[in-house]
Amino acid sequence: MHPTGPPHLLCSIRFGDTVILKHIQTERSFACDPYEDIFPGQQKFLVTASAETRATARNTFRILRPEGNLQNTEDDPYDDVLRYGQPFQLGCNESLLISADGFAMAPTLFLASTLKNERTTTRVTNRQAAYMTARSDANSIWLVSKPSRGKGASSMERFVAEGSPVNANDQFVLNHRASNTFLSTSSDTQDLTDFGADYEVFTGRDLGIGKLSLMEAEFKGTATANTLSKPNKICSLLTFVTAASEAAAEDNRPIPQPPAFDDLVDDLIHAIKSFGVTGIVEVRKSLLDLARGGRGGASTGRVDIRDVKHALADKGVVTQDGYYDPVFASLDVRNDGYLDFRELLDIIRGNIPTHRLDFLATVFQGLDSSDKGEIPLDDLKRAFNPSEYPAVKSGLLSERDMRNDYFANVIETTMRKKVAVVTFDQFVDYFADISGTIGDDQYFEDLVGNSWTTNE
């Protein structure tokens, strides 16, 4: 295991290079553990400063180019050299993402941080935490900057360096763009890990003390607010360490490609549908039970992602190693470890084909005796004949449960409140579960048509 960056002292760091991120003061390397979730349920994994200075899987990181919306407008997508002030991401070593069988690869984990709150602080000193996450967003963007030296001849160095290449063994500060804090560690704070006593890693604004005399400097024309700032403390100074030779930089490992987001969604859908026509029905029932006991009850739809994983695992859907984490993370809009189970169901079920919607419209019109475009919920439940329904025939639900409990709750949680009448959209939402697991159109129509006593 070796870094794959340039071996020469003054060679530029490039996107795609694998490097060791070294802390100057403690001479420790930053390392990650993708199996230790430091904030339970949030899929944010431990980062520490390790005494191990040799290249290993946990203390080597890849220099990655962010998605277009996370880059600066002036960034050249064809320039592979990392430059001072340019947004980039640090991804974990691919070896940490390969499944036990060696064939599958979990999504990339990125070094990230977020503003400190009651759920995201370091474990020892309650500072702003740095962690690894599968979520590629603004919290995973970093900038390499020359350290500020304060007043003096070198005060312009940081400003002038913007846009110049970052070289191996340069000393710099790593700035978290979203919070404007610097990545750091300290020998004063140990963090016990499975690998021993590492140092705690955090981000902060550790600057030196003293007056800058900025107004005087601006009056004299010798400095501005962009070129003069308080000096960075030595605890924030870092460097990229690369391979010692070209031979050591060679990497011939057979690494599988990580799955695309759409492939993850397809795999999740396939896993659930493999349980037959009741697969989505069973998942919905489990998620609905979770929502009832969650924040705000079933009406909010919000459930803990950890509970979602357990519910899926109970149904036989393997969720370990964070394989589906990007899917869950895309629904965690508040970045708090919760998602709306109805949005997850929408992804799993997909869209109902137009011809099936037309058939459901015909059935609905047959049940709508008043021709008002809505049906009293009690009338609909009385007309419902669930005896041939897959969930009933499989024993998952009784006819009574299907008619009086499950059906009513599907309608109620769709609208986020109790209702006396059912609209066509709510009617369609109910049958979307079945449509998502039945490929044969005739079987779908027979099932839906035979489930009702219509006025036709």
Protein backbone atom coordinates (compact mmCIF):
# COMPACT_ATOMS: atom_id res chain seq x y z
CA MET A 1 0.00 0.00 0.00
CA HIS A 2 1.70 3.20 -1.22
CA PRO A 3 0.61 6.71 -2.12
CA THR A 4 0.44 7.08 -5.90
CA GLY A 5 1.29 10.76 -6.13
CA PRO A 6 4.50 12.17 -7.61
CA PRO A 7 7.69 11.04 -5.91
CA HIS A 8 9.64 14.24 -6.52
CA LEU A 9 9.72 16.90 -3.84
CA LEU A 10 8.54 19.74 -6.10
CA CYS A 11 6.10 17.86 -8.31
CA SER A 12 2.52 19.07 -8.35
CA ILE A 13 -0.33 17.19 -6.67
CA ARG A 14 -2.93 16.12 -9.25
CA PHE A 15 -6.52 14.99 -9.18
CA GLY A 16 -6.54 11.20 -8.88
CA ASP A 17 -3.36 11.07 -6.77
CA THR A 18 -3.35 9.08 -3.54
CA VAL A 19 -1.59 10.88 -0.69
CA ILE A 20 -0.93 10.80 3.03
CA LEU A 21 -2.18 13.90 4.85
CA LYS A 22 0.44 14.62 7.50
CA HIS A 23 0.13 16.93 10.52
CA ILE A 24 3.35 18.94 10.84
CA GLN A 25 3.41 19.55 14.59
CA THR A 26 2.63 16.01 15.78
CA GLU A 27 4.08 14.21 12.72
CA ARG A 28 0.94 12.08 12.65
CA SER A 29 -1.10 11.02 9.63
CA PHE A 30 -4.84 11.54 9.33
CA ALA A 31 -6.68 8.21 9.17
CA CYS A 32 -10.27 7.00 8.90
CA ASP A 33 -12.32 4.04 10.06
CA PRO A 34 -15.38 3.47 7.79
CA TYR A 35 -16.79 0.94 10.25
CA GLU A 36 -17.10 3.24 13.27
CA ASP A 37 -20.10 5.56 13.05
CA ILE A 38 -19.33 8.43 15.44
CA PHE A 39 -22.87 9.87 15.27
CA PRO A 40 -25.19 6.86 15.47
CA GLY A 41 -27.54 6.66 12.54
CA GLN A 42 -25.98 9.50 10.56
CA GLN A 43 -23.41 7.38 8.70
CA LYS A 44 -20.57 9.75 9.61
CA PHE A 45 -17.43 7.77 10.26
CA LEU A 46 -14.42 8.29 12.48
CA VAL A 47 -11.36 10.33 11.47
CA THR A 48 -8.34 10.49 13.79
CA ALA A 49 -4.62 11.28 13.69
CA SER A 50 -2.65 8.04 13.69
CA ALA A 51 0.90 7.36 14.80
CA GLU A 52 1.25 5.11 11.73
CA THR A 53 3.27 7.04 9.14
CA ARG A 54 3.62 4.21 6.63
CA ALA A 55 1.05 4.15 3.86
CA THR A 56 -1.94 1.99 4.78
CA ALA A 57 -5.52 1.79 3.55
CA ARG A 58 -6.88 3.89 6.42
CA ASN A 59 -4.34 6.74 6.24
CA THR A 60 -4.21 7.32 2.48
CA PHE A 61 -6.70 9.53 0.66
CA ARG A 62 -7.50 10.28 -2.98
CA ILE A 63 -7.54 13.82 -4.39
CA LEU A 64 -10.92 14.08 -6.13
CA ARG A 65 -12.53 16.72 -8.32
CA PRO A 66 -15.99 17.76 -7.03
CA GLU A 67 -19.15 17.81 -9.10
CA GLY A 68 -19.58 20.88 -11.28
CA ASN A 69 -21.94 22.74 -8.96
CA LEU A 70 -19.37 22.49 -6.13
CA GLN A 71 -16.46 23.92 -8.15
CA ASN A 72 -15.45 27.53 -8.67
CA THR A 73 -16.71 29.06 -11.90
CA GLU A 74 -13.15 29.75 -13.02
CA ASP A 75 -11.90 26.17 -12.47
CA ASP A 76 -10.57 24.48 -15.62
CA PRO A 77 -12.09 20.97 -15.86
CA TYR A 78 -9.23 19.90 -18.17
CA ASP A 79 -6.47 20.94 -15.77
CA ASP A 80 -5.61 17.98 -13.55
CA VAL A 81 -3.27 19.95 -11.25
CA LEU A 82 -4.63 20.84 -7.80
CA ARG A 83 -4.18 24.55 -7.13
CA TYR A 84 -4.24 26.76 -4.05
CA GLY A 85 -7.77 28.01 -3.42
CA GLN A 86 -9.34 25.39 -5.68
CA PRO A 87 -12.21 23.28 -4.25
CA PHE A 88 -11.47 19.57 -4.00
CA GLN A 89 -12.51 16.47 -2.07
CA LEU A 90 -10.54 13.88 -0.14
CA GLY A 91 -11.89 10.38 -0.70
CA CYS A 92 -10.94 7.32 1.32
CA ASN A 93 -8.75 4.59 -0.14
CA GLU A 94 -10.67 2.26 -2.47
CA SER A 95 -9.47 -0.77 -0.49
CA LEU A 96 -11.81 0.24 2.35
CA LEU A 97 -14.82 0.09 0.01
CA ILE A 98 -14.46 -3.42 -1.39
CA SER A 99 -16.89 -6.04 -0.11
CA ALA A 100 -15.70 -9.23 1.57
CA ASP A 101 -16.21 -11.24 -1.64
CA GLY A 102 -14.09 -8.77 -3.61
CA PHE A 103 -16.69 -8.13 -6.29
CA ALA A 104 -18.73 -5.16 -5.06
CA MET A 105 -17.57 -1.70 -4.14
CA ALA A 106 -19.37 0.62 -1.75
CA PRO A 107 -19.77 4.31 -2.63
CA THR A 108 -16.82 6.61 -1.96
CA LEU A 109 -16.52 8.17 1.50
CA PHE A 110 -15.45 11.82 1.60
CA LEU A 111 -13.72 13.78 4.34
CA ALA A 112 -16.27 16.32 5.58
CA SER A 113 -17.27 18.58 8.43
CA THR A 114 -20.36 20.52 9.47
CA LEU A 115 -21.11 23.35 11.84
CA LYS A 116 -21.13 22.16 15.43
CA ASN A 117 -24.48 21.32 16.99
CA GLU A 118 -25.76 18.99 19.71
CA ARG A 119 -25.55 15.98 17.35
CA THR A 120 -22.25 16.65 15.58
CA THR A 121 -19.32 17.34 17.90
CA THR A 122 -16.09 15.55 18.61
CA ARG A 123 -16.31 12.81 21.19
CA VAL A 124 -13.68 14.15 23.59
CA THR A 125 -13.53 17.95 23.49
CA ASN A 126 -16.91 18.90 21.96
CA ARG A 127 -15.34 20.72 19.00
CA GLN A 128 -16.48 20.84 15.38
CA ALA A 129 -15.96 17.32 14.08
CA ALA A 130 -14.36 16.05 10.89
CA TYR A 131 -15.69 12.73 9.58
CA MET A 132 -16.08 10.52 6.51
CA THR A 133 -19.42 10.40 4.70
CA ALA A 134 -20.89 9.07 1.47
CA ARG A 135 -22.67 12.39 0.97
CA SER A 136 -20.99 14.51 -1.70
CA ASP A 137 -22.09 18.05 -0.92
CA ALA A 138 -20.76 21.41 0.26
CA ASN A 139 -19.70 19.91 3.59
CA SER A 140 -17.13 17.73 1.79
CA ILE A 141 -15.33 20.60 0.01
CA TRP A 142 -11.86 21.70 1.09
CA LEU A 143 -9.38 24.37 -0.03
CA VAL A 144 -5.59 24.29 0.25
CA SER A 145 -4.27 27.67 1.40
CA LYS A 146 -0.83 29.00 2.24
CA PRO A 147 -0.62 29.61 6.00
CA SER A 148 -0.96 33.19 7.12
CA ARG A 149 2.22 34.53 8.75
CA GLY A 150 0.65 37.70 10.14
CA LYS A 151 2.42 41.01 9.70
CA GLY A 152 5.74 41.14 7.93
CA ALA A 153 7.28 40.59 4.53
CA SER A 154 5.51 37.26 4.07
CA SER A 155 1.99 38.60 4.64
CA MET A 156 1.35 38.67 0.88
CA GLU A 157 2.38 35.04 0.38
CA ARG A 158 -1.06 33.54 1.04
CA PHE A 159 -2.83 35.96 -1.31
CA VAL A 160 -0.29 35.67 -4.14
CA ALA A 161 -0.26 31.85 -3.98
CA GLU A 162 -3.93 31.55 -5.00
CA GLY A 163 -4.11 29.68 -8.32
CA SER A 164 -0.58 28.28 -8.17
CA PRO A 165 0.01 24.49 -8.09
CA VAL A 166 0.05 22.63 -4.78
CA ASN A 167 3.32 20.70 -4.58
CA ALA A 168 4.21 17.61 -2.61
CA ASN A 169 5.64 18.49 0.81
CA ASP A 170 4.32 22.07 0.72
CA GLN A 171 3.21 23.29 4.13
CA PHE A 172 -0.37 24.56 4.05
CA VAL A 173 -3.63 24.84 5.97
CA LEU A 174 -6.65 22.83 4.86
CA ASN A 175 -9.67 25.11 4.91
CA HIS A 176 -13.19 23.70 5.17
CA ARG A 177 -15.01 25.97 2.75
CA ALA A 178 -18.54 25.72 4.19
CA SER A 179 -17.55 26.66 7.76
CA ASN A 180 -14.27 28.53 7.08
CA THR A 181 -12.41 26.42 9.64
CA PHE A 182 -9.07 24.60 9.48
CA LEU A 183 -8.50 20.86 9.81
CA SER A 184 -6.34 20.12 12.84
CA THR A 185 -5.43 17.76 15.65
CA SER A 186 -3.72 18.02 19.03
CA SER A 187 -1.63 15.74 21.20
CA ASP A 188 -3.68 16.97 24.17
CA THR A 189 -6.76 14.99 23.13
CA GLN A 190 -6.56 11.24 22.61
CA ASP A 191 -9.36 9.30 20.93
CA LEU A 192 -9.43 5.57 21.64
CA THR A 193 -10.03 3.53 18.48
CA ASP A 194 -9.84 -0.09 17.34
CA PHE A 195 -6.31 0.73 16.16
CA GLY A 196 -5.06 2.19 19.42
CA ALA A 197 -4.88 5.63 21.04
CA ASP A 198 -5.06 8.14 18.18
CA TYR A 199 -5.36 11.92 18.47
CA GLU A 200 -8.75 13.56 18.07
CA VAL A 201 -9.30 15.37 14.75
CA PHE A 202 -11.38 18.55 14.55
CA THR A 203 -11.75 21.80 12.64
CA GLY A 204 -11.45 25.25 14.15
CA ARG A 205 -10.21 28.82 13.80
CA ASP A 206 -6.90 28.53 15.66
CA LEU A 207 -5.13 31.83 14.96
CA GLY A 208 -2.30 33.64 16.64
CA ILE A 209 -2.71 36.68 18.84
CA GLY A 210 -1.55 40.24 18.40
CA LYS A 211 -2.56 43.41 16.58
CA LEU A 212 -2.54 43.53 12.80
CA SER A 213 -2.66 47.33 12.43
CA LEU A 214 -4.82 46.71 9.37
CA MET A 215 -6.16 50.27 9.09
CA GLU A 216 -2.63 51.64 9.21
CA ALA A 217 -1.48 49.16 6.58
CA GLU A 218 -4.39 50.03 4.32
CA PHE A 219 -3.69 53.75 4.73
CA LYS A 220 -0.04 53.20 3.77
CA GLY A 221 -1.07 50.95 0.88
CA THR A 222 1.00 48.01 2.11
CA ALA A 223 -1.81 45.56 2.82
CA THR A 224 -5.56 44.92 2.59
CA ALA A 225 -7.97 42.67 4.45
CA ASN A 226 -7.37 40.02 1.77
CA THR A 227 -3.61 40.01 2.24
CA LEU A 228 -3.24 40.54 5.98
CA SER A 229 -4.68 38.31 8.69
CA LYS A 230 -3.65 36.89 12.01
CA PRO A 231 -1.15 34.03 11.70
CA ASN A 232 -2.26 30.41 11.63
CA LYS A 233 -1.05 28.42 14.59
CA ILE A 234 1.33 25.55 13.97
CA CYS A 235 -1.40 23.07 15.00
CA SER A 236 -3.13 23.80 11.66
CA LEU A 237 -0.11 23.19 9.42
CA LEU A 238 -0.33 20.13 7.15
CA THR A 239 1.43 18.62 4.17
CA PHE A 240 0.77 16.03 1.46
CA VAL A 241 3.18 13.08 1.53
CA THR A 242 3.59 11.09 -1.68
CA ALA A 243 5.46 7.95 -2.71
CA ALA A 244 9.23 7.84 -2.16
CA SER A 245 9.90 6.52 -5.67
CA GLU A 246 8.14 5.93 -8.98
CA ALA A 247 8.16 2.19 -8.34
CA ALA A 248 6.45 2.66 -5.00
CA ALA A 249 3.77 4.79 -6.68
CA GLU A 250 2.68 1.95 -8.98
CA ASP A 251 -0.78 0.63 -8.10
CA ASN A 252 -1.85 -2.51 -9.95
CA ARG A 253 -4.64 -3.63 -7.62
CA PRO A 254 -7.80 -4.96 -9.35
CA ILE A 255 -10.28 -2.41 -7.93
CA PRO A 256 -13.95 -2.79 -8.97
CA GLN A 257 -15.81 0.31 -10.06
CA PRO A 258 -18.19 1.89 -7.51
CA PRO A 259 -21.87 1.62 -8.46
CA ALA A 260 -23.64 4.65 -9.90
CA PHE A 261 -26.55 6.14 -7.95
CA ASP A 262 -29.12 4.83 -10.44
CA ASP A 263 -27.59 1.35 -10.13
CA LEU A 264 -27.96 1.49 -6.35
CA VAL A 265 -31.62 2.43 -6.73
CA ASP A 266 -32.16 -0.41 -9.22
CA ASP A 267 -30.47 -2.89 -6.87
CA LEU A 268 -32.66 -1.77 -3.95
CA ILE A 269 -35.82 -2.06 -6.04
CA HIS A 270 -34.81 -5.49 -7.31
CA ALA A 271 -34.03 -6.71 -3.77
CA ILE A 272 -37.47 -5.68 -2.52
CA LYS A 273 -39.37 -6.94 -5.55
CA SER A 274 -37.65 -10.32 -5.26
CA PHE A 275 -39.99 -11.08 -2.35
CA GLY A 276 -42.98 -11.18 -4.69
CA VAL A 277 -46.07 -9.03 -5.08
CA THR A 278 -46.20 -8.34 -1.33
CA GLY A 279 -42.62 -7.02 -1.16
CA ILE A 280 -43.44 -3.31 -1.29
CA VAL A 281 -46.58 -3.82 0.80
CA GLU A 282 -44.48 -5.41 3.54
CA VAL A 283 -41.90 -2.64 3.40
CA ARG A 284 -44.61 0.03 3.56
CA LYS A 285 -46.20 -1.63 6.58
CA SER A 286 -42.84 -1.77 8.38
CA LEU A 287 -42.03 1.86 7.57
CA LEU A 288 -45.51 2.97 8.59
CA ASP A 289 -45.07 1.25 11.96
CA LEU A 290 -41.75 3.08 12.38
CA ALA A 291 -43.33 6.42 11.52
CA ARG A 292 -46.07 5.92 14.09
CA GLY A 293 -43.45 5.67 16.81
CA GLY A 294 -41.16 8.36 15.38
CA ARG A 295 -41.00 12.14 15.51
CA GLY A 296 -44.51 13.56 15.24
CA GLY A 297 -46.15 10.22 14.54
CA ALA A 298 -47.22 8.83 11.17
CA SER A 299 -48.37 12.23 9.88
CA THR A 300 -44.80 13.52 9.50
CA GLY A 301 -43.49 10.41 7.75
CA ARG A 302 -40.03 10.96 9.26
CA VAL A 303 -38.14 7.85 10.35
CA ASP A 304 -34.61 7.21 11.60
CA ILE A 305 -32.37 5.86 8.81
CA ARG A 306 -30.98 3.29 11.24
CA ASP A 307 -34.50 1.95 11.76
CA VAL A 308 -35.08 1.89 8.01
CA LYS A 309 -31.98 -0.26 7.59
CA HIS A 310 -33.10 -2.62 10.33
CA ALA A 311 -36.58 -2.87 8.79
CA LEU A 312 -35.14 -3.68 5.38
CA ALA A 313 -32.71 -6.17 6.89
CA ASP A 314 -35.63 -7.91 8.64
CA LYS A 315 -37.18 -8.37 5.19
CA GLY A 316 -33.95 -9.85 3.84
CA VAL A 317 -32.52 -6.75 2.15
CA VAL A 318 -28.80 -6.64 2.99
CA THR A 319 -27.83 -3.09 3.96
CA GLN A 320 -24.44 -3.50 5.63
CA ASP A 321 -21.20 -1.83 4.48
CA GLY A 322 -23.13 1.32 3.61
CA TYR A 323 -23.99 0.03 0.13
CA TYR A 324 -27.31 1.91 -0.08
CA ASP A 325 -26.17 4.91 1.98
CA PRO A 326 -26.18 7.35 -0.98
CA VAL A 327 -29.86 6.52 -1.59
CA PHE A 328 -30.73 7.18 2.05
CA ALA A 329 -28.49 10.27 2.18
CA SER A 330 -30.27 11.78 -0.85
CA LEU A 331 -33.52 11.70 1.18
CA ASP A 332 -31.93 13.07 4.36
CA VAL A 333 -32.66 16.66 3.37
CA ARG A 334 -32.01 18.02 6.88
CA ASN A 335 -28.78 16.10 7.27
CA ASP A 336 -29.93 14.77 10.66
CA GLY A 337 -30.13 11.02 10.03
CA TYR A 338 -33.87 10.98 9.22
CA LEU A 339 -35.83 10.59 5.98
CA ASP A 340 -39.47 10.71 4.88
CA PHE A 341 -40.51 7.11 4.29
CA ARG A 342 -43.05 8.20 1.66
CA GLU A 343 -40.24 9.60 -0.48
CA LEU A 344 -38.36 6.30 -0.14
CA LEU A 345 -41.50 4.45 -1.24
CA ASP A 346 -41.81 6.72 -4.28
CA ILE A 347 -38.28 5.73 -5.33
CA ILE A 348 -38.93 2.02 -4.78
CA ARG A 349 -42.30 1.92 -6.53
CA GLY A 350 -41.48 4.10 -9.51
CA ASN A 351 -44.13 5.63 -11.76
CA ILE A 352 -47.31 3.75 -12.67
CA PRO A 353 -47.54 3.25 -16.47
CA THR A 354 -50.18 5.35 -18.24
CA HIS A 355 -52.30 2.36 -19.30
CA ARG A 356 -52.50 1.19 -15.70
CA LEU A 357 -53.52 4.67 -14.58
CA ASP A 358 -56.29 4.56 -17.19
CA PHE A 359 -57.50 1.23 -15.84
CA LEU A 360 -57.47 2.54 -12.26
CA ALA A 361 -59.46 5.56 -13.43
CA THR A 362 -62.10 3.23 -14.86
CA VAL A 363 -62.34 1.28 -11.59
CA PHE A 364 -62.50 4.51 -9.56
CA GLN A 365 -65.31 5.90 -11.73
CA GLY A 366 -67.25 2.69 -11.21
CA LEU A 367 -66.96 3.13 -7.44
CA ASP A 368 -67.79 6.86 -7.55
CA SER A 369 -71.58 6.56 -7.52
CA SER A 370 -72.05 10.30 -6.96
CA ASP A 371 -69.71 11.19 -9.83
CA LYS A 372 -68.00 13.86 -7.63
CA GLY A 373 -64.43 12.68 -8.14
CA GLU A 374 -64.22 11.53 -4.51
CA ILE A 375 -65.52 8.53 -2.58
CA PRO A 376 -66.45 8.41 1.12
CA LEU A 377 -63.78 6.39 2.90
CA ASP A 378 -66.35 4.21 4.70
CA ASP A 379 -68.08 3.38 1.39
CA LEU A 380 -64.74 2.48 -0.17
CA LYS A 381 -63.80 0.17 2.68
CA ARG A 382 -67.19 -1.59 2.47
CA ALA A 383 -66.77 -2.11 -1.26
CA PHE A 384 -63.24 -3.45 -0.84
CA ASN A 385 -62.95 -7.25 -1.15
CA PRO A 386 -59.42 -8.20 -0.11
CA SER A 387 -59.85 -11.99 -0.14
CA GLU A 388 -57.72 -12.40 -3.29
CA TYR A 389 -55.26 -9.73 -2.30
CA PRO A 390 -51.64 -11.01 -2.21
CA ALA A 391 -51.00 -9.72 1.32
CA VAL A 392 -54.06 -11.60 2.58
CA LYS A 393 -53.37 -14.80 0.67
CA SER A 394 -49.77 -14.79 1.93
CA GLY A 395 -50.95 -14.38 5.53
CA LEU A 396 -49.20 -11.03 5.97
CA LEU A 397 -52.52 -9.32 6.75
CA SER A 398 -56.00 -10.53 7.62
CA GLU A 399 -59.02 -9.37 5.62
CA ARG A 400 -60.05 -7.25 8.59
CA ASP A 401 -56.60 -5.65 8.84
CA MET A 402 -56.56 -4.96 5.14
CA ARG A 403 -59.98 -3.35 5.14
CA ASN A 404 -60.04 -1.47 8.44
CA ASP A 405 -56.45 -0.75 9.32
CA TYR A 406 -53.91 -0.92 6.54
CA PHE A 407 -56.03 0.59 3.78
CA ALA A 408 -57.23 3.49 5.91
CA ASN A 409 -53.74 4.30 7.14
CA VAL A 410 -52.29 4.33 3.63
CA ILE A 411 -54.85 6.93 2.65
CA GLU A 412 -54.39 8.97 5.84
CA THR A 413 -50.59 9.13 5.69
CA THR A 414 -50.72 10.11 2.04
CA MET A 415 -52.58 13.28 3.00
CA ARG A 416 -50.80 13.65 6.38
CA LYS A 417 -54.16 13.82 8.14
CA LYS A 418 -57.36 11.84 8.63
CA VAL A 419 -59.84 12.18 5.76
CA ALA A 420 -63.50 11.36 5.22
CA VAL A 421 -63.27 11.00 1.45
CA VAL A 422 -60.74 9.49 -0.95
CA THR A 423 -59.63 11.22 -4.14
CA PHE A 424 -58.35 9.55 -7.26
CA ASP A 425 -54.73 10.47 -6.45
CA GLN A 426 -55.01 8.78 -3.04
CA PHE A 427 -56.65 5.77 -4.68
CA VAL A 428 -53.72 5.50 -7.11
CA ASP A 429 -51.17 5.83 -4.30
CA TYR A 430 -52.69 2.80 -2.60
CA PHE A 431 -52.28 0.62 -5.69
CA ALA A 432 -48.82 1.91 -6.52
CA ASP A 433 -47.39 -0.66 -4.08
CA ILE A 434 -48.91 -3.53 -6.06
CA SER A 435 -48.13 -2.01 -9.45
CA GLY A 436 -44.48 -1.71 -8.48
CA THR A 437 -44.13 -5.46 -7.96
CA ILE A 438 -46.37 -6.86 -10.72
CA GLY A 439 -44.90 -6.96 -14.19
CA ASP A 440 -47.84 -8.63 -15.92
CA ASP A 441 -50.52 -6.09 -16.92
CA GLN A 442 -53.32 -8.66 -17.13
CA TYR A 443 -52.60 -9.99 -13.65
CA PHE A 444 -52.58 -6.42 -12.30
CA GLU A 445 -55.95 -5.67 -13.89
CA ASP A 446 -57.49 -8.95 -12.69
CA LEU A 447 -56.25 -8.33 -9.16
CA VAL A 448 -57.49 -4.74 -8.98
CA GLY A 449 -60.76 -5.42 -10.80
CA ASN A 450 -61.67 -8.39 -8.59
CA SER A 451 -60.95 -6.45 -5.40
CA TRP A 452 -64.07 -4.31 -5.67
CA THR A 453 -67.81 -4.50 -5.92
CA THR A 454 -68.58 -1.71 -8.40
CA ASN A 455 -71.87 -0.15 -9.48
CA GLU A 456 -71.40 -1.25 -13.07
